[in-house]
Amino acid sequence: MELSRRLVLKYGLAGASVLLLAGTGLALQGTTPREPRQPLQALSSQEFSILWALADRMAPAHENFPAASTIEVPERIDSFLASVDPATRGEVKLLLKIVENALPGLILDGRVRPFSKCSPETQDAILEGWRTSSISARRTIFKALNNLVAATYYGSPETYAAVGYPGPPNYGNLK
């Protein structure tokens, strides 16, 4: 078969169409739903579910430490985001969707499932890939989300004893 310009265009367009359809299918996969224990103030149910999955991998249960979801870290972050300016809230929401989306996951990590639908081991590997990525934007996204989760987690009274912190002083008794 002789390779002609028309044949190259035909197969190129067909291939591009297949990639577009496959990419759209990857991008439209659903998130594993999680139910908040209180009404959401800033996040959608999808964004909350992504945050739940991230928080539980960034702060999993071990030894004397409870899992992030057990002490309502995702709910606390939602409450915090309700108090920040809309631009900052929008940025956090965008970061959550980037980590969840299977299309960037395929391109950057070789995965075809949304983050929330992956096994805990796969989620850990994905987060490690973001943490150690040669792409500075990926490291920055990881650091921003990890810092948000860690600050909320370790600022929760339920973790004080595990780190040996007696809690904030009570100055209410001073005259």
N, C-alpha and C. Protein backbone atom coordinates (compact mmCIF):
# COMPACT_ATOMS: atom_id res chain seq x y z
N MET A 1 0.85 -1.17 0.00
CA MET A 1 0.00 0.00 0.00
C MET A 1 0.90 1.23 0.00
N GLU A 2 0.61 2.15 -0.90
CA GLU A 2 1.38 3.37 -1.03
C GLU A 2 0.87 4.40 -0.03
N LEU A 3 1.78 5.04 0.63
CA LEU A 3 1.44 6.04 1.63
C LEU A 3 1.20 7.39 0.94
N SER A 4 -0.03 7.84 0.97
CA SER A 4 -0.37 9.11 0.35
C SER A 4 -0.75 10.13 1.42
N ARG A 5 -0.77 11.36 1.01
CA ARG A 5 -1.15 12.43 1.93
C ARG A 5 -2.56 12.21 2.45
N ARG A 6 -3.44 11.81 1.59
CA ARG A 6 -4.84 11.56 1.97
C ARG A 6 -4.92 10.44 3.00
N LEU A 7 -4.16 9.37 2.81
CA LEU A 7 -4.17 8.23 3.74
C LEU A 7 -3.63 8.66 5.11
N VAL A 8 -2.56 9.46 5.11
CA VAL A 8 -1.99 9.94 6.37
C VAL A 8 -3.01 10.80 7.11
N LEU A 9 -3.67 11.70 6.39
CA LEU A 9 -4.70 12.54 7.00
C LEU A 9 -5.85 11.71 7.55
N LYS A 10 -6.27 10.72 6.76
CA LYS A 10 -7.40 9.87 7.16
C LYS A 10 -7.09 9.13 8.47
N TYR A 11 -5.93 8.48 8.50
CA TYR A 11 -5.56 7.73 9.70
C TYR A 11 -5.21 8.66 10.86
N GLY A 12 -4.63 9.81 10.56
CA GLY A 12 -4.30 10.78 11.61
C GLY A 12 -5.56 11.31 12.28
N LEU A 13 -6.56 11.64 11.48
CA LEU A 13 -7.81 12.13 12.04
C LEU A 13 -8.56 11.04 12.79
N ALA A 14 -8.52 9.83 12.26
CA ALA A 14 -9.16 8.71 12.95
C ALA A 14 -8.49 8.46 14.30
N GLY A 15 -7.16 8.48 14.31
CA GLY A 15 -6.42 8.27 15.55
C GLY A 15 -6.68 9.37 16.56
N ALA A 16 -6.71 10.61 16.08
CA ALA A 16 -6.99 11.74 16.97
C ALA A 16 -8.39 11.64 17.56
N SER A 17 -9.34 11.18 16.77
CA SER A 17 -10.71 11.01 17.25
C SER A 17 -10.79 9.95 18.34
N VAL A 18 -10.10 8.85 18.13
CA VAL A 18 -10.07 7.78 19.13
C VAL A 18 -9.45 8.30 20.43
N LEU A 19 -8.33 9.04 20.32
CA LEU A 19 -7.68 9.58 21.51
C LEU A 19 -8.59 10.59 22.23
N LEU A 20 -9.29 11.40 21.46
CA LEU A 20 -10.20 12.37 22.06
C LEU A 20 -11.32 11.68 22.81
N LEU A 21 -11.90 10.66 22.21
CA LEU A 21 -12.98 9.92 22.88
C LEU A 21 -12.47 9.20 24.13
N ALA A 22 -11.31 8.58 24.01
CA ALA A 22 -10.74 7.87 25.16
C ALA A 22 -10.40 8.86 26.27
N GLY A 23 -9.82 10.00 25.91
CA GLY A 23 -9.48 11.01 26.90
C GLY A 23 -10.71 11.57 27.58
N THR A 24 -11.76 11.80 26.81
CA THR A 24 -13.01 12.29 27.38
C THR A 24 -13.59 11.26 28.34
N GLY A 25 -13.54 10.00 27.95
CA GLY A 25 -14.04 8.93 28.82
C GLY A 25 -13.27 8.86 30.12
N LEU A 26 -11.94 9.01 30.05
CA LEU A 26 -11.13 9.00 31.27
C LEU A 26 -11.46 10.20 32.15
N ALA A 27 -11.61 11.36 31.52
CA ALA A 27 -11.86 12.58 32.28
C ALA A 27 -13.24 12.59 32.94
N LEU A 28 -14.19 11.85 32.39
CA LEU A 28 -15.56 11.88 32.90
C LEU A 28 -15.88 10.77 33.90
N GLN A 29 -14.90 9.96 34.26
CA GLN A 29 -15.15 8.90 35.24
C GLN A 29 -15.55 9.53 36.58
N GLY A 30 -16.43 8.86 37.26
CA GLY A 30 -16.93 9.39 38.53
C GLY A 30 -15.97 9.22 39.68
N THR A 31 -16.27 9.93 40.74
CA THR A 31 -15.51 9.89 41.99
C THR A 31 -16.22 8.94 42.94
N THR A 32 -15.46 8.21 43.75
CA THR A 32 -16.07 7.37 44.78
C THR A 32 -16.70 8.28 45.83
N PRO A 33 -18.01 8.20 46.00
CA PRO A 33 -18.69 9.15 46.90
C PRO A 33 -18.43 8.86 48.38
N ARG A 34 -18.31 9.92 49.14
CA ARG A 34 -18.20 9.86 50.61
C ARG A 34 -19.22 10.83 51.17
N GLU A 35 -19.84 10.45 52.25
CA GLU A 35 -20.87 11.29 52.87
C GLU A 35 -20.28 12.11 54.00
N PRO A 36 -20.40 13.43 53.93
CA PRO A 36 -19.94 14.26 55.04
C PRO A 36 -20.85 14.08 56.25
N ARG A 37 -20.30 14.29 57.44
CA ARG A 37 -21.08 14.15 58.65
C ARG A 37 -21.77 15.45 59.04
N GLN A 38 -21.53 16.48 58.28
CA GLN A 38 -22.22 17.75 58.48
C GLN A 38 -22.43 18.40 57.12
N PRO A 39 -23.36 19.31 56.99
CA PRO A 39 -23.60 19.94 55.68
C PRO A 39 -22.35 20.64 55.15
N LEU A 40 -22.08 20.47 53.86
CA LEU A 40 -20.91 21.09 53.24
C LEU A 40 -21.15 22.59 53.07
N GLN A 41 -20.11 23.37 53.30
CA GLN A 41 -20.20 24.82 53.21
C GLN A 41 -19.49 25.39 51.99
N ALA A 42 -18.41 24.74 51.54
CA ALA A 42 -17.60 25.30 50.46
C ALA A 42 -17.38 24.33 49.31
N LEU A 43 -17.30 23.05 49.61
CA LEU A 43 -16.98 22.05 48.61
C LEU A 43 -18.24 21.38 48.07
N SER A 44 -18.15 20.91 46.83
CA SER A 44 -19.23 20.07 46.29
C SER A 44 -19.06 18.68 46.87
N SER A 45 -20.05 17.84 46.71
CA SER A 45 -19.92 16.46 47.22
C SER A 45 -18.78 15.73 46.52
N GLN A 46 -18.56 16.00 45.23
CA GLN A 46 -17.44 15.37 44.52
C GLN A 46 -16.10 15.84 45.09
N GLU A 47 -15.95 17.14 45.27
CA GLU A 47 -14.70 17.69 45.81
C GLU A 47 -14.46 17.17 47.23
N PHE A 48 -15.51 17.09 48.03
CA PHE A 48 -15.38 16.56 49.38
C PHE A 48 -14.89 15.11 49.34
N SER A 49 -15.43 14.31 48.42
CA SER A 49 -15.05 12.90 48.31
C SER A 49 -13.59 12.75 47.89
N ILE A 50 -13.13 13.62 47.00
CA ILE A 50 -11.72 13.60 46.59
C ILE A 50 -10.84 13.95 47.79
N LEU A 51 -11.23 15.00 48.51
CA LEU A 51 -10.48 15.43 49.69
C LEU A 51 -10.44 14.32 50.73
N TRP A 52 -11.53 13.62 50.92
CA TRP A 52 -11.59 12.51 51.88
C TRP A 52 -10.52 11.46 51.53
N ALA A 53 -10.48 11.07 50.26
CA ALA A 53 -9.51 10.06 49.81
C ALA A 53 -8.08 10.56 50.01
N LEU A 54 -7.82 11.80 49.64
CA LEU A 54 -6.48 12.37 49.81
C LEU A 54 -6.08 12.43 51.28
N ALA A 55 -6.97 12.95 52.10
CA ALA A 55 -6.67 13.12 53.53
C ALA A 55 -6.36 11.79 54.19
N ASP A 56 -7.12 10.76 53.86
CA ASP A 56 -6.88 9.44 54.48
C ASP A 56 -5.57 8.81 54.03
N ARG A 57 -5.05 9.19 52.88
CA ARG A 57 -3.75 8.67 52.45
C ARG A 57 -2.63 9.53 53.00
N MET A 58 -2.88 10.82 53.17
CA MET A 58 -1.85 11.72 53.69
C MET A 58 -1.73 11.61 55.22
N ALA A 59 -2.82 11.24 55.87
CA ALA A 59 -2.83 11.08 57.33
C ALA A 59 -3.61 9.81 57.66
N PRO A 60 -3.03 8.64 57.36
CA PRO A 60 -3.74 7.39 57.63
C PRO A 60 -3.65 7.02 59.12
N ALA A 61 -4.52 6.13 59.53
CA ALA A 61 -4.46 5.64 60.91
C ALA A 61 -3.19 4.80 61.10
N HIS A 62 -2.51 5.02 62.21
CA HIS A 62 -1.38 4.18 62.60
C HIS A 62 -1.06 4.45 64.07
N GLU A 63 -0.60 3.41 64.74
CA GLU A 63 -0.30 3.45 66.17
C GLU A 63 -1.36 4.22 66.94
N ASN A 64 -1.01 5.35 67.54
CA ASN A 64 -1.97 6.12 68.34
C ASN A 64 -2.68 7.21 67.55
N PHE A 65 -2.42 7.26 66.26
CA PHE A 65 -2.99 8.31 65.42
C PHE A 65 -4.23 7.81 64.69
N PRO A 66 -5.32 8.58 64.75
CA PRO A 66 -6.53 8.19 64.02
C PRO A 66 -6.40 8.60 62.54
N ALA A 67 -7.18 7.98 61.69
CA ALA A 67 -7.23 8.38 60.28
C ALA A 67 -7.85 9.77 60.18
N ALA A 68 -7.44 10.52 59.17
CA ALA A 68 -7.94 11.88 58.98
C ALA A 68 -9.46 11.92 58.90
N SER A 69 -10.04 10.97 58.18
CA SER A 69 -11.50 10.98 58.03
C SER A 69 -12.21 10.67 59.35
N THR A 70 -11.58 9.91 60.21
CA THR A 70 -12.17 9.55 61.50
C THR A 70 -12.38 10.78 62.38
N ILE A 71 -11.45 11.73 62.29
CA ILE A 71 -11.56 12.94 63.12
C ILE A 71 -12.08 14.14 62.30
N GLU A 72 -12.73 13.83 61.20
CA GLU A 72 -13.43 14.82 60.38
C GLU A 72 -12.53 15.90 59.79
N VAL A 73 -11.32 15.53 59.40
CA VAL A 73 -10.43 16.49 58.75
C VAL A 73 -11.04 17.04 57.46
N PRO A 74 -11.64 16.20 56.60
CA PRO A 74 -12.25 16.77 55.38
C PRO A 74 -13.36 17.78 55.69
N GLU A 75 -14.17 17.51 56.70
CA GLU A 75 -15.22 18.44 57.09
C GLU A 75 -14.63 19.74 57.64
N ARG A 76 -13.56 19.63 58.40
CA ARG A 76 -12.92 20.82 58.96
C ARG A 76 -12.29 21.67 57.86
N ILE A 77 -11.71 21.01 56.87
CA ILE A 77 -11.15 21.76 55.74
C ILE A 77 -12.26 22.45 54.96
N ASP A 78 -13.37 21.77 54.77
CA ASP A 78 -14.52 22.39 54.10
C ASP A 78 -14.96 23.64 54.86
N SER A 79 -15.05 23.56 56.16
CA SER A 79 -15.45 24.69 56.99
C SER A 79 -14.43 25.83 56.86
N PHE A 80 -13.15 25.49 56.87
CA PHE A 80 -12.10 26.50 56.70
C PHE A 80 -12.21 27.18 55.33
N LEU A 81 -12.40 26.38 54.28
CA LEU A 81 -12.49 26.94 52.93
C LEU A 81 -13.68 27.88 52.77
N ALA A 82 -14.71 27.67 53.56
CA ALA A 82 -15.87 28.57 53.51
C ALA A 82 -15.51 29.96 54.00
N SER A 83 -14.42 30.07 54.78
CA SER A 83 -14.04 31.36 55.36
C SER A 83 -12.96 32.09 54.57
N VAL A 84 -12.40 31.46 53.54
CA VAL A 84 -11.33 32.11 52.76
C VAL A 84 -11.93 32.79 51.53
N ASP A 85 -11.11 33.61 50.88
CA ASP A 85 -11.61 34.33 49.71
C ASP A 85 -11.94 33.34 48.59
N PRO A 86 -12.88 33.69 47.74
CA PRO A 86 -13.32 32.78 46.67
C PRO A 86 -12.19 32.32 45.74
N ALA A 87 -11.21 33.18 45.48
CA ALA A 87 -10.11 32.79 44.59
C ALA A 87 -9.30 31.65 45.20
N THR A 88 -8.98 31.75 46.48
CA THR A 88 -8.23 30.68 47.16
C THR A 88 -9.05 29.40 47.20
N ARG A 89 -10.31 29.52 47.53
CA ARG A 89 -11.21 28.35 47.55
C ARG A 89 -11.24 27.70 46.17
N GLY A 90 -11.34 28.51 45.13
CA GLY A 90 -11.37 27.99 43.76
C GLY A 90 -10.09 27.27 43.39
N GLU A 91 -8.95 27.77 43.86
CA GLU A 91 -7.67 27.12 43.58
C GLU A 91 -7.59 25.74 44.24
N VAL A 92 -8.03 25.65 45.48
CA VAL A 92 -8.01 24.36 46.17
C VAL A 92 -8.93 23.37 45.46
N LYS A 93 -10.09 23.83 45.04
CA LYS A 93 -11.02 22.95 44.31
C LYS A 93 -10.39 22.46 43.02
N LEU A 94 -9.70 23.34 42.32
CA LEU A 94 -9.04 22.97 41.07
C LEU A 94 -7.94 21.92 41.33
N LEU A 95 -7.16 22.11 42.37
CA LEU A 95 -6.11 21.15 42.70
C LEU A 95 -6.69 19.77 42.98
N LEU A 96 -7.79 19.73 43.70
CA LEU A 96 -8.44 18.45 44.00
C LEU A 96 -8.86 17.75 42.71
N LYS A 97 -9.43 18.50 41.78
CA LYS A 97 -9.89 17.92 40.53
C LYS A 97 -8.73 17.46 39.65
N ILE A 98 -7.61 18.16 39.70
CA ILE A 98 -6.43 17.75 38.92
C ILE A 98 -5.92 16.41 39.42
N VAL A 99 -5.81 16.26 40.74
CA VAL A 99 -5.31 15.00 41.30
C VAL A 99 -6.28 13.85 41.00
N GLU A 100 -7.57 14.12 41.02
CA GLU A 100 -8.58 13.08 40.81
C GLU A 100 -8.68 12.63 39.36
N ASN A 101 -8.54 13.54 38.43
CA ASN A 101 -8.83 13.28 37.02
C ASN A 101 -7.94 12.18 36.43
N ALA A 102 -8.57 11.22 35.78
CA ALA A 102 -7.84 10.08 35.22
C ALA A 102 -7.07 10.44 33.95
N LEU A 103 -7.44 11.49 33.23
CA LEU A 103 -6.72 11.84 32.01
C LEU A 103 -5.31 12.33 32.33
N PRO A 104 -5.13 13.33 33.22
CA PRO A 104 -3.76 13.65 33.61
C PRO A 104 -3.07 12.46 34.29
N GLY A 105 -3.86 11.66 35.00
CA GLY A 105 -3.31 10.47 35.64
C GLY A 105 -2.71 9.51 34.62
N LEU A 106 -3.38 9.35 33.49
CA LEU A 106 -2.85 8.48 32.43
C LEU A 106 -1.58 9.06 31.86
N ILE A 107 -1.60 10.35 31.58
CA ILE A 107 -0.44 11.00 30.97
C ILE A 107 0.76 11.03 31.92
N LEU A 108 0.52 11.35 33.19
CA LEU A 108 1.61 11.56 34.14
C LEU A 108 1.97 10.32 34.95
N ASP A 109 0.98 9.47 35.23
CA ASP A 109 1.22 8.33 36.12
C ASP A 109 0.95 6.97 35.47
N GLY A 110 0.35 6.97 34.31
CA GLY A 110 0.02 5.70 33.66
C GLY A 110 -1.20 5.02 34.27
N ARG A 111 -2.05 5.76 34.97
CA ARG A 111 -3.25 5.16 35.57
C ARG A 111 -4.48 5.56 34.77
N VAL A 112 -5.48 4.70 34.78
CA VAL A 112 -6.70 4.95 34.01
C VAL A 112 -7.93 5.10 34.91
N ARG A 113 -7.71 5.23 36.19
CA ARG A 113 -8.82 5.38 37.14
C ARG A 113 -8.64 6.68 37.91
N PRO A 114 -9.74 7.29 38.33
CA PRO A 114 -9.63 8.47 39.20
C PRO A 114 -8.94 8.09 40.51
N PHE A 115 -8.28 9.06 41.13
CA PHE A 115 -7.55 8.83 42.37
C PHE A 115 -8.43 8.15 43.41
N SER A 116 -9.65 8.64 43.58
CA SER A 116 -10.53 8.12 44.64
C SER A 116 -10.96 6.68 44.40
N LYS A 117 -10.83 6.19 43.18
CA LYS A 117 -11.23 4.81 42.87
C LYS A 117 -10.05 3.83 42.89
N CYS A 118 -8.85 4.34 43.16
CA CYS A 118 -7.67 3.47 43.22
C CYS A 118 -7.54 2.84 44.60
N SER A 119 -6.80 1.74 44.67
CA SER A 119 -6.55 1.08 45.95
C SER A 119 -5.66 1.98 46.80
N PRO A 120 -5.68 1.79 48.13
CA PRO A 120 -4.81 2.61 48.99
C PRO A 120 -3.33 2.54 48.59
N GLU A 121 -2.88 1.35 48.18
CA GLU A 121 -1.47 1.20 47.77
C GLU A 121 -1.19 2.03 46.52
N THR A 122 -2.11 2.00 45.58
CA THR A 122 -1.95 2.78 44.36
C THR A 122 -2.02 4.27 44.67
N GLN A 123 -2.93 4.66 45.55
CA GLN A 123 -3.02 6.06 45.94
C GLN A 123 -1.71 6.53 46.58
N ASP A 124 -1.12 5.69 47.43
CA ASP A 124 0.16 6.05 48.04
C ASP A 124 1.23 6.24 46.98
N ALA A 125 1.26 5.35 46.00
CA ALA A 125 2.25 5.45 44.92
C ALA A 125 2.01 6.72 44.09
N ILE A 126 0.76 7.05 43.84
CA ILE A 126 0.42 8.26 43.08
C ILE A 126 0.91 9.49 43.85
N LEU A 127 0.61 9.56 45.13
CA LEU A 127 1.02 10.71 45.93
C LEU A 127 2.54 10.81 46.01
N GLU A 128 3.21 9.68 46.11
CA GLU A 128 4.68 9.69 46.13
C GLU A 128 5.21 10.22 44.79
N GLY A 129 4.55 9.84 43.70
CA GLY A 129 4.93 10.35 42.39
C GLY A 129 4.76 11.86 42.29
N TRP A 130 3.69 12.38 42.88
CA TRP A 130 3.48 13.82 42.88
C TRP A 130 4.52 14.49 43.79
N ARG A 131 4.81 13.90 44.93
CA ARG A 131 5.76 14.49 45.88
C ARG A 131 7.16 14.58 45.31
N THR A 132 7.58 13.58 44.56
CA THR A 132 8.95 13.51 44.05
C THR A 132 9.07 13.82 42.56
N SER A 133 8.02 14.33 41.97
CA SER A 133 8.00 14.59 40.53
C SER A 133 9.10 15.55 40.08
N SER A 134 9.57 15.36 38.87
CA SER A 134 10.52 16.30 38.29
C SER A 134 9.80 17.55 37.78
N ILE A 135 8.48 17.51 37.75
CA ILE A 135 7.67 18.65 37.31
C ILE A 135 7.32 19.47 38.55
N SER A 136 7.83 20.69 38.61
CA SER A 136 7.66 21.50 39.82
C SER A 136 6.19 21.78 40.14
N ALA A 137 5.34 21.92 39.12
CA ALA A 137 3.92 22.17 39.38
C ALA A 137 3.29 21.01 40.14
N ARG A 138 3.67 19.79 39.81
CA ARG A 138 3.13 18.62 40.53
C ARG A 138 3.58 18.63 41.98
N ARG A 139 4.85 18.93 42.21
CA ARG A 139 5.35 18.99 43.60
C ARG A 139 4.63 20.09 44.38
N THR A 140 4.39 21.22 43.72
CA THR A 140 3.70 22.34 44.37
C THR A 140 2.27 21.97 44.73
N ILE A 141 1.58 21.28 43.83
CA ILE A 141 0.21 20.83 44.11
C ILE A 141 0.21 19.87 45.29
N PHE A 142 1.14 18.91 45.28
CA PHE A 142 1.23 17.97 46.40
C PHE A 142 1.47 18.73 47.70
N LYS A 143 2.43 19.64 47.69
CA LYS A 143 2.80 20.35 48.91
C LYS A 143 1.63 21.17 49.44
N ALA A 144 0.90 21.84 48.56
CA ALA A 144 -0.24 22.66 48.99
C ALA A 144 -1.31 21.80 49.65
N LEU A 145 -1.68 20.70 49.01
CA LEU A 145 -2.72 19.84 49.58
C LEU A 145 -2.23 19.13 50.84
N ASN A 146 -0.99 18.68 50.84
CA ASN A 146 -0.45 17.99 52.01
C ASN A 146 -0.37 18.95 53.21
N ASN A 147 0.06 20.18 52.97
CA ASN A 147 0.14 21.15 54.07
C ASN A 147 -1.24 21.48 54.63
N LEU A 148 -2.23 21.59 53.75
CA LEU A 148 -3.60 21.85 54.20
C LEU A 148 -4.11 20.71 55.08
N VAL A 149 -3.88 19.48 54.63
CA VAL A 149 -4.32 18.31 55.40
C VAL A 149 -3.55 18.20 56.71
N ALA A 150 -2.22 18.35 56.65
CA ALA A 150 -1.38 18.20 57.86
C ALA A 150 -1.71 19.26 58.90
N ALA A 151 -1.88 20.51 58.48
CA ALA A 151 -2.20 21.57 59.44
C ALA A 151 -3.54 21.31 60.12
N THR A 152 -4.50 20.86 59.34
CA THR A 152 -5.82 20.56 59.91
C THR A 152 -5.76 19.34 60.81
N TYR A 153 -5.06 18.32 60.37
CA TYR A 153 -4.95 17.07 61.13
C TYR A 153 -4.27 17.31 62.48
N TYR A 154 -3.07 17.90 62.45
CA TYR A 154 -2.33 18.09 63.70
C TYR A 154 -2.87 19.23 64.55
N GLY A 155 -3.73 20.06 63.98
CA GLY A 155 -4.40 21.09 64.76
C GLY A 155 -5.68 20.60 65.41
N SER A 156 -6.00 19.34 65.19
CA SER A 156 -7.20 18.74 65.76
C SER A 156 -6.92 18.21 67.16
N PRO A 157 -7.76 18.51 68.13
CA PRO A 157 -7.54 18.04 69.50
C PRO A 157 -7.36 16.52 69.61
N GLU A 158 -7.95 15.78 68.69
CA GLU A 158 -7.85 14.31 68.75
C GLU A 158 -6.42 13.80 68.51
N THR A 159 -5.53 14.63 67.99
CA THR A 159 -4.15 14.20 67.75
C THR A 159 -3.18 14.71 68.80
N TYR A 160 -3.63 15.59 69.68
CA TYR A 160 -2.73 16.19 70.66
C TYR A 160 -1.99 15.14 71.49
N ALA A 161 -2.71 14.21 72.06
CA ALA A 161 -2.09 13.22 72.94
C ALA A 161 -1.07 12.37 72.19
N ALA A 162 -1.35 12.03 70.95
CA ALA A 162 -0.45 11.18 70.18
C ALA A 162 0.90 11.84 69.95
N VAL A 163 0.95 13.18 69.90
CA VAL A 163 2.23 13.87 69.71
C VAL A 163 2.79 14.41 71.01
N GLY A 164 2.09 14.15 72.13
CA GLY A 164 2.56 14.59 73.44
C GLY A 164 2.27 16.05 73.74
N TYR A 165 1.29 16.61 73.10
CA TYR A 165 0.91 18.00 73.33
C TYR A 165 -0.29 18.03 74.26
N PRO A 166 -0.19 18.75 75.38
CA PRO A 166 -1.32 18.77 76.32
C PRO A 166 -2.49 19.62 75.85
N GLY A 167 -2.31 20.37 74.81
CA GLY A 167 -3.37 21.26 74.32
C GLY A 167 -3.05 22.69 74.64
N PRO A 168 -3.79 23.59 74.07
CA PRO A 168 -3.52 25.01 74.32
C PRO A 168 -3.82 25.37 75.77
N PRO A 169 -3.10 26.34 76.29
CA PRO A 169 -3.35 26.75 77.67
C PRO A 169 -4.71 27.42 77.80
N ASN A 170 -5.28 27.31 78.98
CA ASN A 170 -6.57 27.93 79.26
C ASN A 170 -6.31 29.24 80.02
N TYR A 171 -6.42 30.35 79.33
CA TYR A 171 -6.21 31.65 79.94
C TYR A 171 -7.50 32.25 80.45
N GLY A 172 -8.58 31.51 80.35
CA GLY A 172 -9.87 32.00 80.79
C GLY A 172 -9.96 32.22 82.29
N ASN A 173 -9.08 31.58 83.05
CA ASN A 173 -9.13 31.68 84.51
C ASN A 173 -8.31 32.84 85.05
N LEU A 174 -7.63 33.59 84.19
CA LEU A 174 -6.82 34.72 84.65
C LEU A 174 -7.70 35.91 84.97
N LYS A 175 -7.34 36.66 85.98
CA LYS A 175 -8.12 37.84 86.36
C LYS A 175 -7.36 39.08 86.04
